[in-house]
Amino acid sequence: MSRGDSELSAFSSRLFDLLSTVEAGAVLGLAKSRVRGLGEQLAFACAAMQASEAVAALETSATTHLVVPVVGSPAGHREVALEIPFEGTLFSHVLGGGSTYALTLEPGDELAAPLAPVLEQPPAAAIVVPLHLGDRTVGGVALLSHEGSFGDAQVEMAERFGEVVGLTVEAFFTERMLFELFASCLPELLGKEAATTLPEKLLSYLRTMRVQPVYRTRLELALAVGRIAGRTGAEAKLAARVLEAFEAYIAALEGGAA
């Protein structure tokens, strides 16, 4: 292989790295919207069940603690960044296999203390709902009252609410795992003698997850173009002409120049 071909091959590999990152970035961006969606669900639950605040706490494989990403209230929601222990909190019962339960809380109650940094007021009562991912409990939602206790009807509504939130949490977990993938890949990619293995790792990881096929298709297309362009200068020019023709076709469809 000539020096020019080698440089072209290296360029196409780096280009594919970039395209892989951009496409995965589109998936990663969904994680932010999942947190917002979870917050909106918590806010709705507060309004429907006369709760003062609602907190979601989730497991992640990257930490030995529960992560609280968002807090809801009848007025809306706010994103937070809080870690709380598995033991000694409102969520310990459901994480241990327990079902939805209601309880009253005394001032300064130790079960609610880990949540104090993100709550507007100390709660007087709570309903705690387990969140499931398949057969596994991966966290919980706590509906909190600043004033009084909850009734049986509210507990029943909270159980149904937990099933709905479970769907959002499943998507949240899927996209959170992508962040962990980047954390493991970036040190290798950014090292002085880094090999361009990020695309392969992304493809392997994405294939194990339920992402839309369009993402995988775009990554495979970028890889195909990189392989063709990496052969000789003639193939590189051919790939460029094909892409230019396709771009012109799309522009014409969108009302641009023919």
C-alpha atoms as a PDB file:
ATOM      1  CA  MET A   1       0.000   0.000   0.000  1.00  0.00           C
ATOM      2  CA  SER A   2       1.361   3.421  -0.916  1.00  0.00           C
ATOM      3  CA  ARG A   3       1.775   6.248   1.549  1.00  0.00           C
ATOM      4  CA  GLY A   4      -1.200   8.065   0.005  1.00  0.00           C
ATOM      5  CA  ASP A   5      -3.377   4.973   0.338  1.00  0.00           C
ATOM      6  CA  SER A   6      -2.270   4.522   3.935  1.00  0.00           C
ATOM      7  CA  GLU A   7      -3.110   8.124   4.778  1.00  0.00           C
ATOM      8  CA  LEU A   8      -6.487   7.748   3.081  1.00  0.00           C
ATOM      9  CA  SER A   9      -7.211   4.589   5.037  1.00  0.00           C
ATOM     10  CA  ALA A  10      -6.281   6.301   8.311  1.00  0.00           C
ATOM     11  CA  PHE A  11      -8.465   9.257   7.357  1.00  0.00           C
ATOM     12  CA  SER A  12     -11.448   7.024   6.573  1.00  0.00           C
ATOM     13  CA  SER A  13     -10.990   5.227   9.906  1.00  0.00           C
ATOM     14  CA  ARG A  14     -10.939   8.532  11.790  1.00  0.00           C
ATOM     15  CA  LEU A  15     -13.921   9.730   9.761  1.00  0.00           C
ATOM     16  CA  PHE A  16     -15.831   6.646  10.786  1.00  0.00           C
ATOM     17  CA  ASP A  17     -14.844   7.302  14.410  1.00  0.00           C
ATOM     18  CA  LEU A  18     -16.405  10.731  14.083  1.00  0.00           C
ATOM     19  CA  LEU A  19     -19.576   9.467  12.402  1.00  0.00           C
ATOM     20  CA  SER A  20     -19.925   6.741  15.019  1.00  0.00           C
ATOM     21  CA  THR A  21     -19.636   9.309  17.785  1.00  0.00           C
ATOM     22  CA  VAL A  22     -22.194  11.600  16.157  1.00  0.00           C
ATOM     23  CA  GLU A  23     -24.701   8.793  15.627  1.00  0.00           C
ATOM     24  CA  ALA A  24     -24.219   7.435  19.137  1.00  0.00           C
ATOM     25  CA  GLY A  25     -24.509  11.017  20.372  1.00  0.00           C
ATOM     26  CA  ALA A  26     -28.020  11.113  18.948  1.00  0.00           C
ATOM     27  CA  VAL A  27     -28.862   8.088  21.078  1.00  0.00           C
ATOM     28  CA  LEU A  28     -27.104   9.561  24.105  1.00  0.00           C
ATOM     29  CA  GLY A  29     -29.126  12.730  23.735  1.00  0.00           C
ATOM     30  CA  LEU A  30     -32.240  10.705  24.411  1.00  0.00           C
ATOM     31  CA  ALA A  31     -31.092  10.125  27.979  1.00  0.00           C
ATOM     32  CA  LYS A  32     -31.699  13.799  28.730  1.00  0.00           C
ATOM     33  CA  SER A  33     -35.209  13.592  27.342  1.00  0.00           C
ATOM     34  CA  ARG A  34     -35.858  10.433  29.410  1.00  0.00           C
ATOM     35  CA  VAL A  35     -34.996  12.306  32.603  1.00  0.00           C
ATOM     36  CA  ARG A  36     -37.325  15.115  31.540  1.00  0.00           C
ATOM     37  CA  GLY A  37     -40.067  12.585  30.766  1.00  0.00           C
ATOM     38  CA  LEU A  38     -39.584  10.910  34.122  1.00  0.00           C
ATOM     39  CA  GLY A  39     -39.830  14.297  35.826  1.00  0.00           C
ATOM     40  CA  GLU A  40     -43.057  15.086  33.997  1.00  0.00           C
ATOM     41  CA  GLN A  41     -44.524  11.762  35.122  1.00  0.00           C
ATOM     42  CA  LEU A  42     -43.561  12.472  38.723  1.00  0.00           C
ATOM     43  CA  ALA A  43     -45.136  15.937  38.518  1.00  0.00           C
ATOM     44  CA  PHE A  44     -48.355  14.433  37.142  1.00  0.00           C
ATOM     45  CA  ALA A  45     -48.420  11.844  39.944  1.00  0.00           C
ATOM     46  CA  CYS A  46     -48.062  14.600  42.547  1.00  0.00           C
ATOM     47  CA  ALA A  47     -51.040  16.448  41.110  1.00  0.00           C
ATOM     48  CA  ALA A  48     -53.166  13.301  40.767  1.00  0.00           C
ATOM     49  CA  MET A  49     -52.412  11.888  44.228  1.00  0.00           C
ATOM     50  CA  GLN A  50     -52.103  15.105  46.224  1.00  0.00           C
ATOM     51  CA  ALA A  51     -48.426  14.532  46.929  1.00  0.00           C
ATOM     52  CA  SER A  52     -46.122  17.423  47.757  1.00  0.00           C
ATOM     53  CA  GLU A  53     -43.073  15.925  46.029  1.00  0.00           C
ATOM     54  CA  ALA A  54     -42.041  12.735  44.240  1.00  0.00           C
ATOM     55  CA  VAL A  55     -38.572  11.236  43.946  1.00  0.00           C
ATOM     56  CA  ALA A  56     -37.261   8.483  41.670  1.00  0.00           C
ATOM     57  CA  ALA A  57     -34.197   6.522  42.811  1.00  0.00           C
ATOM     58  CA  LEU A  58     -32.507   4.093  40.397  1.00  0.00           C
ATOM     59  CA  GLU A  59     -29.706   1.569  40.432  1.00  0.00           C
ATOM     60  CA  THR A  60     -26.869   1.878  37.932  1.00  0.00           C
ATOM     61  CA  SER A  61     -24.015  -0.512  37.206  1.00  0.00           C
ATOM     62  CA  ALA A  62     -21.525   2.359  37.547  1.00  0.00           C
ATOM     63  CA  THR A  63     -22.128   2.983  41.252  1.00  0.00           C
ATOM     64  CA  THR A  64     -22.861   1.145  44.464  1.00  0.00           C
ATOM     65  CA  HIS A  65     -25.515   3.718  45.356  1.00  0.00           C
ATOM     66  CA  LEU A  66     -28.952   4.639  44.095  1.00  0.00           C
ATOM     67  CA  VAL A  67     -29.054   7.644  41.784  1.00  0.00           C
ATOM     68  CA  VAL A  68     -31.788  10.278  42.112  1.00  0.00           C
ATOM     69  CA  PRO A  69     -31.975  12.017  38.695  1.00  0.00           C
ATOM     70  CA  VAL A  70     -35.108  14.124  39.130  1.00  0.00           C
ATOM     71  CA  VAL A  71     -37.637  15.390  41.690  1.00  0.00           C
ATOM     72  CA  GLY A  72     -41.255  16.199  40.799  1.00  0.00           C
ATOM     73  CA  SER A  73     -43.856  18.437  42.427  1.00  0.00           C
ATOM     74  CA  PRO A  74     -47.310  19.737  41.432  1.00  0.00           C
ATOM     75  CA  ALA A  75     -45.550  22.806  40.004  1.00  0.00           C
ATOM     76  CA  GLY A  76     -43.217  20.820  37.724  1.00  0.00           C
ATOM     77  CA  HIS A  77     -39.913  19.007  38.078  1.00  0.00           C
ATOM     78  CA  ARG A  78     -36.231  19.749  38.563  1.00  0.00           C
ATOM     79  CA  GLU A  79     -33.216  17.665  37.627  1.00  0.00           C
ATOM     80  CA  VAL A  80     -30.849  16.843  40.476  1.00  0.00           C
ATOM     81  CA  ALA A  81     -27.678  14.821  40.963  1.00  0.00           C
ATOM     82  CA  LEU A  82     -27.897  12.894  44.223  1.00  0.00           C
ATOM     83  CA  GLU A  83     -26.606   9.496  45.290  1.00  0.00           C
ATOM     84  CA  ILE A  84     -28.117   7.707  48.275  1.00  0.00           C
ATOM     85  CA  PRO A  85     -27.196   4.357  49.866  1.00  0.00           C
ATOM     86  CA  PHE A  86     -29.141   1.153  49.257  1.00  0.00           C
ATOM     87  CA  GLU A  87     -29.677   0.588  52.957  1.00  0.00           C
ATOM     88  CA  GLY A  88     -31.379   2.780  55.522  1.00  0.00           C
ATOM     89  CA  THR A  89     -33.646   4.744  53.159  1.00  0.00           C
ATOM     90  CA  LEU A  90     -37.302   4.787  52.128  1.00  0.00           C
ATOM     91  CA  PHE A  91     -36.384   2.513  49.218  1.00  0.00           C
ATOM     92  CA  SER A  92     -34.687  -0.277  51.198  1.00  0.00           C
ATOM     93  CA  HIS A  93     -37.935  -2.231  51.654  1.00  0.00           C
ATOM     94  CA  VAL A  94     -38.847  -2.383  47.948  1.00  0.00           C
ATOM     95  CA  LEU A  95     -35.250  -3.065  46.879  1.00  0.00           C
ATOM     96  CA  GLY A  96     -35.314  -6.064  49.187  1.00  0.00           C
ATOM     97  CA  GLY A  97     -38.302  -7.510  47.331  1.00  0.00           C
ATOM     98  CA  GLY A  98     -41.101  -5.714  49.157  1.00  0.00           C
ATOM     99  CA  SER A  99     -44.234  -4.380  47.475  1.00  0.00           C
ATOM    100  CA  THR A 100     -45.730  -0.885  47.444  1.00  0.00           C
ATOM    101  CA  TYR A 101     -46.229   0.455  50.956  1.00  0.00           C
ATOM    102  CA  ALA A 102     -47.307   3.617  52.777  1.00  0.00           C
ATOM    103  CA  LEU A 103     -45.833   4.988  55.985  1.00  0.00           C
ATOM    104  CA  THR A 104     -45.862   8.042  58.195  1.00  0.00           C
ATOM    105  CA  LEU A 105     -42.625   9.825  59.030  1.00  0.00           C
ATOM    106  CA  GLU A 106     -41.574  11.578  62.200  1.00  0.00           C
ATOM    107  CA  PRO A 107     -39.627  14.877  62.100  1.00  0.00           C
ATOM    108  CA  GLY A 108     -35.992  14.051  61.438  1.00  0.00           C
ATOM    109  CA  ASP A 109     -36.842  10.469  60.411  1.00  0.00           C
ATOM    110  CA  GLU A 110     -33.629   8.712  59.325  1.00  0.00           C
ATOM    111  CA  LEU A 111     -35.342   6.962  56.400  1.00  0.00           C
ATOM    112  CA  ALA A 112     -35.977  10.312  54.696  1.00  0.00           C
ATOM    113  CA  ALA A 113     -32.701  11.952  55.756  1.00  0.00           C
ATOM    114  CA  PRO A 114     -30.679  10.893  52.666  1.00  0.00           C
ATOM    115  CA  LEU A 115     -33.202  12.714  50.444  1.00  0.00           C
ATOM    116  CA  ALA A 116     -33.101  15.961  52.438  1.00  0.00           C
ATOM    117  CA  PRO A 117     -30.620  17.745  50.100  1.00  0.00           C
ATOM    118  CA  VAL A 118     -33.111  17.658  47.185  1.00  0.00           C
ATOM    119  CA  LEU A 119     -36.432  18.082  49.032  1.00  0.00           C
ATOM    120  CA  GLU A 120     -38.164  21.398  49.632  1.00  0.00           C
ATOM    121  CA  GLN A 121     -39.475  20.304  53.067  1.00  0.00           C
ATOM    122  CA  PRO A 122     -39.161  17.265  55.360  1.00  0.00           C
ATOM    123  CA  PRO A 123     -41.936  14.789  54.461  1.00  0.00           C
ATOM    124  CA  ALA A 124     -44.624  13.691  56.933  1.00  0.00           C
ATOM    125  CA  ALA A 125     -45.754  10.640  54.946  1.00  0.00           C
ATOM    126  CA  ALA A 126     -44.725   8.588  51.919  1.00  0.00           C
ATOM    127  CA  ILE A 127     -45.872   5.958  49.454  1.00  0.00           C
ATOM    128  CA  VAL A 128     -42.977   3.937  48.037  1.00  0.00           C
ATOM    129  CA  VAL A 129     -43.431   2.020  44.783  1.00  0.00           C
ATOM    130  CA  PRO A 130     -40.929  -0.520  43.407  1.00  0.00           C
ATOM    131  CA  LEU A 131     -39.700  -0.145  39.824  1.00  0.00           C
ATOM    132  CA  HIS A 132     -39.052  -3.356  37.909  1.00  0.00           C
ATOM    133  CA  LEU A 133     -36.890  -4.200  34.920  1.00  0.00           C
ATOM    134  CA  GLY A 134     -38.073  -7.653  33.945  1.00  0.00           C
ATOM    135  CA  ASP A 135     -38.023  -9.733  37.118  1.00  0.00           C
ATOM    136  CA  ARG A 136     -35.540  -7.469  38.882  1.00  0.00           C
ATOM    137  CA  THR A 137     -36.274  -4.471  41.123  1.00  0.00           C
ATOM    138  CA  VAL A 138     -34.031  -1.637  39.922  1.00  0.00           C
ATOM    139  CA  GLY A 139     -35.254   1.238  42.057  1.00  0.00           C
ATOM    140  CA  GLY A 140     -38.324   2.937  43.359  1.00  0.00           C
ATOM    141  CA  VAL A 141     -40.496   6.028  43.402  1.00  0.00           C
ATOM    142  CA  ALA A 142     -41.400   7.790  46.642  1.00  0.00           C
ATOM    143  CA  LEU A 143     -44.494  10.003  46.690  1.00  0.00           C
ATOM    144  CA  LEU A 144     -44.145  12.384  49.627  1.00  0.00           C
ATOM    145  CA  SER A 145     -46.591  14.504  51.608  1.00  0.00           C
ATOM    146  CA  HIS A 146     -45.507  17.467  53.699  1.00  0.00           C
ATOM    147  CA  GLU A 147     -48.804  17.641  55.586  1.00  0.00           C
ATOM    148  CA  GLY A 148     -50.690  14.357  56.119  1.00  0.00           C
ATOM    149  CA  SER A 149     -50.904  10.634  55.383  1.00  0.00           C
ATOM    150  CA  PHE A 150     -52.047   8.886  52.206  1.00  0.00           C
ATOM    151  CA  GLY A 151     -55.204   6.775  51.840  1.00  0.00           C
ATOM    152  CA  ASP A 152     -55.780   3.328  50.332  1.00  0.00           C
ATOM    153  CA  ALA A 153     -57.025   4.803  47.053  1.00  0.00           C
ATOM    154  CA  GLN A 154     -53.792   6.743  46.626  1.00  0.00           C
ATOM    155  CA  VAL A 155     -51.729   3.614  47.323  1.00  0.00           C
ATOM    156  CA  GLU A 156     -53.660   1.726  44.640  1.00  0.00           C
ATOM    157  CA  MET A 157     -53.147   4.562  42.156  1.00  0.00           C
ATOM    158  CA  ALA A 158     -49.439   4.629  43.003  1.00  0.00           C
ATOM    159  CA  GLU A 159     -49.096   0.930  42.122  1.00  0.00           C
ATOM    160  CA  ARG A 160     -50.573   1.554  38.672  1.00  0.00           C
ATOM    161  CA  PHE A 161     -48.365   4.605  38.292  1.00  0.00           C
ATOM    162  CA  GLY A 162     -45.306   2.443  39.022  1.00  0.00           C
ATOM    163  CA  GLU A 163     -46.113   0.233  36.024  1.00  0.00           C
ATOM    164  CA  VAL A 164     -46.159   3.267  33.711  1.00  0.00           C
ATOM    165  CA  VAL A 165     -42.919   4.676  35.109  1.00  0.00           C
ATOM    166  CA  GLY A 166     -41.315   1.263  34.624  1.00  0.00           C
ATOM    167  CA  LEU A 167     -41.470   1.745  30.842  1.00  0.00           C
ATOM    168  CA  THR A 168     -39.621   5.052  31.076  1.00  0.00           C
ATOM    169  CA  VAL A 169     -37.065   3.566  33.444  1.00  0.00           C
ATOM    170  CA  GLU A 170     -36.340   0.708  31.039  1.00  0.00           C
ATOM    171  CA  ALA A 171     -35.444   3.211  28.308  1.00  0.00           C
ATOM    172  CA  PHE A 172     -33.483   5.302  30.809  1.00  0.00           C
ATOM    173  CA  PHE A 173     -31.360   2.283  31.759  1.00  0.00           C
ATOM    174  CA  THR A 174     -30.671   1.449  28.115  1.00  0.00           C
ATOM    175  CA  GLU A 175     -29.391   4.938  27.356  1.00  0.00           C
ATOM    176  CA  ARG A 176     -27.500   5.255  30.637  1.00  0.00           C
ATOM    177  CA  MET A 177     -25.491   2.174  29.654  1.00  0.00           C
ATOM    178  CA  LEU A 178     -24.293   4.048  26.566  1.00  0.00           C
ATOM    179  CA  PHE A 179     -22.717   6.689  28.792  1.00  0.00           C
ATOM    180  CA  GLU A 180     -20.865   3.915  30.598  1.00  0.00           C
ATOM    181  CA  LEU A 181     -19.679   2.576  27.252  1.00  0.00           C
ATOM    182  CA  PHE A 182     -18.189   5.958  26.367  1.00  0.00           C
ATOM    183  CA  ALA A 183     -16.497   6.110  29.753  1.00  0.00           C
ATOM    184  CA  SER A 184     -14.750   2.801  29.019  1.00  0.00           C
ATOM    185  CA  CYS A 185     -13.867   3.644  25.398  1.00  0.00           C
ATOM    186  CA  LEU A 186     -12.581   7.200  25.661  1.00  0.00           C
ATOM    187  CA  PRO A 187      -9.344   6.496  27.587  1.00  0.00           C
ATOM    188  CA  GLU A 188      -8.342   4.031  24.878  1.00  0.00           C
ATOM    189  CA  LEU A 189      -9.414   6.325  22.055  1.00  0.00           C
ATOM    190  CA  LEU A 190      -7.644   9.391  23.420  1.00  0.00           C
ATOM    191  CA  GLY A 191      -4.355   7.715  24.336  1.00  0.00           C
ATOM    192  CA  LYS A 192      -1.138   8.679  22.567  1.00  0.00           C
ATOM    193  CA  GLU A 193      -1.033   5.405  20.621  1.00  0.00           C
ATOM    194  CA  ALA A 194      -4.801   4.987  20.456  1.00  0.00           C
ATOM    195  CA  ALA A 195      -6.209   2.454  18.023  1.00  0.00           C
ATOM    196  CA  THR A 196      -9.454   3.349  16.272  1.00  0.00           C
ATOM    197  CA  THR A 197     -11.570   0.749  18.035  1.00  0.00           C
ATOM    198  CA  LEU A 198     -14.449   2.999  19.077  1.00  0.00           C
ATOM    199  CA  PRO A 199     -16.595   2.156  15.996  1.00  0.00           C
ATOM    200  CA  GLU A 200     -16.253  -1.576  16.566  1.00  0.00           C
ATOM    201  CA  LYS A 201     -17.097  -1.233  20.243  1.00  0.00           C
ATOM    202  CA  LEU A 202     -20.110   0.917  19.473  1.00  0.00           C
ATOM    203  CA  LEU A 203     -21.396  -1.466  16.811  1.00  0.00           C
ATOM    204  CA  SER A 204     -20.972  -4.469  19.084  1.00  0.00           C
ATOM    205  CA  TYR A 205     -22.688  -2.719  21.965  1.00  0.00           C
ATOM    206  CA  LEU A 206     -25.534  -1.216  19.957  1.00  0.00           C
ATOM    207  CA  ARG A 207     -26.391  -4.600  18.470  1.00  0.00           C
ATOM    208  CA  THR A 208     -27.079  -5.924  21.965  1.00  0.00           C
ATOM    209  CA  MET A 209     -29.558  -3.161  22.711  1.00  0.00           C
ATOM    210  CA  ARG A 210     -33.020  -2.304  21.481  1.00  0.00           C
ATOM    211  CA  VAL A 211     -32.171   0.839  19.533  1.00  0.00           C
ATOM    212  CA  GLN A 212     -33.843   1.781  16.286  1.00  0.00           C
ATOM    213  CA  PRO A 213     -32.349  -0.069  13.294  1.00  0.00           C
ATOM    214  CA  VAL A 214     -31.702   3.257  11.550  1.00  0.00           C
ATOM    215  CA  TYR A 215     -28.723   3.942  13.851  1.00  0.00           C
ATOM    216  CA  ARG A 216     -27.053   0.631  13.040  1.00  0.00           C
ATOM    217  CA  THR A 217     -27.776   1.111   9.336  1.00  0.00           C
ATOM    218  CA  ARG A 218     -26.080   4.521   9.297  1.00  0.00           C
ATOM    219  CA  LEU A 219     -23.031   3.166  11.084  1.00  0.00           C
ATOM    220  CA  GLU A 220     -22.754   0.284   8.618  1.00  0.00           C
ATOM    221  CA  LEU A 221     -23.111   2.713   5.696  1.00  0.00           C
ATOM    222  CA  ALA A 222     -20.295   4.878   7.046  1.00  0.00           C
ATOM    223  CA  LEU A 223     -18.114   1.778   7.429  1.00  0.00           C
ATOM    224  CA  ALA A 224     -18.836   0.704   3.840  1.00  0.00           C
ATOM    225  CA  VAL A 225     -17.914   4.143   2.490  1.00  0.00           C
ATOM    226  CA  GLY A 226     -14.737   4.109   4.575  1.00  0.00           C
ATOM    227  CA  ARG A 227     -13.728   0.700   3.185  1.00  0.00           C
ATOM    228  CA  ILE A 228     -14.245   1.806  -0.418  1.00  0.00           C
ATOM    229  CA  ALA A 229     -12.488   5.144   0.052  1.00  0.00           C
ATOM    230  CA  GLY A 230      -9.588   3.393   1.763  1.00  0.00           C
ATOM    231  CA  ARG A 231      -8.560   1.354  -1.317  1.00  0.00           C
ATOM    232  CA  THR A 232      -7.054   3.794  -3.809  1.00  0.00           C
ATOM    233  CA  GLY A 233      -7.478   7.378  -4.864  1.00  0.00           C
ATOM    234  CA  ALA A 234      -9.799   6.272  -7.676  1.00  0.00           C
ATOM    235  CA  GLU A 235     -12.190   4.551  -5.252  1.00  0.00           C
ATOM    236  CA  ALA A 236     -12.062   7.567  -2.958  1.00  0.00           C
ATOM    237  CA  LYS A 237     -13.088   9.841  -5.844  1.00  0.00           C
ATOM    238  CA  LEU A 238     -15.840   7.406  -6.819  1.00  0.00           C
ATOM    239  CA  ALA A 239     -17.218   7.399  -3.263  1.00  0.00           C
ATOM    240  CA  ALA A 240     -17.097  11.202  -3.183  1.00  0.00           C
ATOM    241  CA  ARG A 241     -18.998  11.441  -6.514  1.00  0.00           C
ATOM    242  CA  VAL A 242     -21.664   9.009  -5.323  1.00  0.00           C
ATOM    243  CA  LEU A 243     -22.163  10.963  -2.106  1.00  0.00           C
ATOM    244  CA  GLU A 244     -22.313  14.259  -4.028  1.00  0.00           C
ATOM    245  CA  ALA A 245     -24.925  12.830  -6.391  1.00  0.00           C
ATOM    246  CA  PHE A 246     -26.985  11.572  -3.482  1.00  0.00           C
ATOM    247  CA  GLU A 247     -26.714  14.928  -1.705  1.00  0.00           C
ATOM    248  CA  ALA A 248     -27.891  16.704  -4.864  1.00  0.00           C
ATOM    249  CA  TYR A 249     -30.820  14.305  -5.128  1.00  0.00           C
ATOM    250  CA  ILE A 250     -31.872  15.050  -1.530  1.00  0.00           C
ATOM    251  CA  ALA A 251     -31.499  18.802  -2.136  1.00  0.00           C
ATOM    252  CA  ALA A 252     -33.764  18.535  -5.179  1.00  0.00           C
ATOM    253  CA  LEU A 253     -36.394  16.669  -3.174  1.00  0.00           C
ATOM    254  CA  GLU A 254     -36.268  19.377  -0.516  1.00  0.00           C
ATOM    255  CA  GLY A 255     -36.750  22.100  -3.095  1.00  0.00           C
ATOM    256  CA  GLY A 256     -33.116  23.096  -3.477  1.00  0.00           C
ATOM    257  CA  ALA A 257     -31.036  23.287  -6.605  1.00  0.00           C
ATOM    258  CA  ALA A 258     -31.390  20.335  -8.985  1.00  0.00           C
END
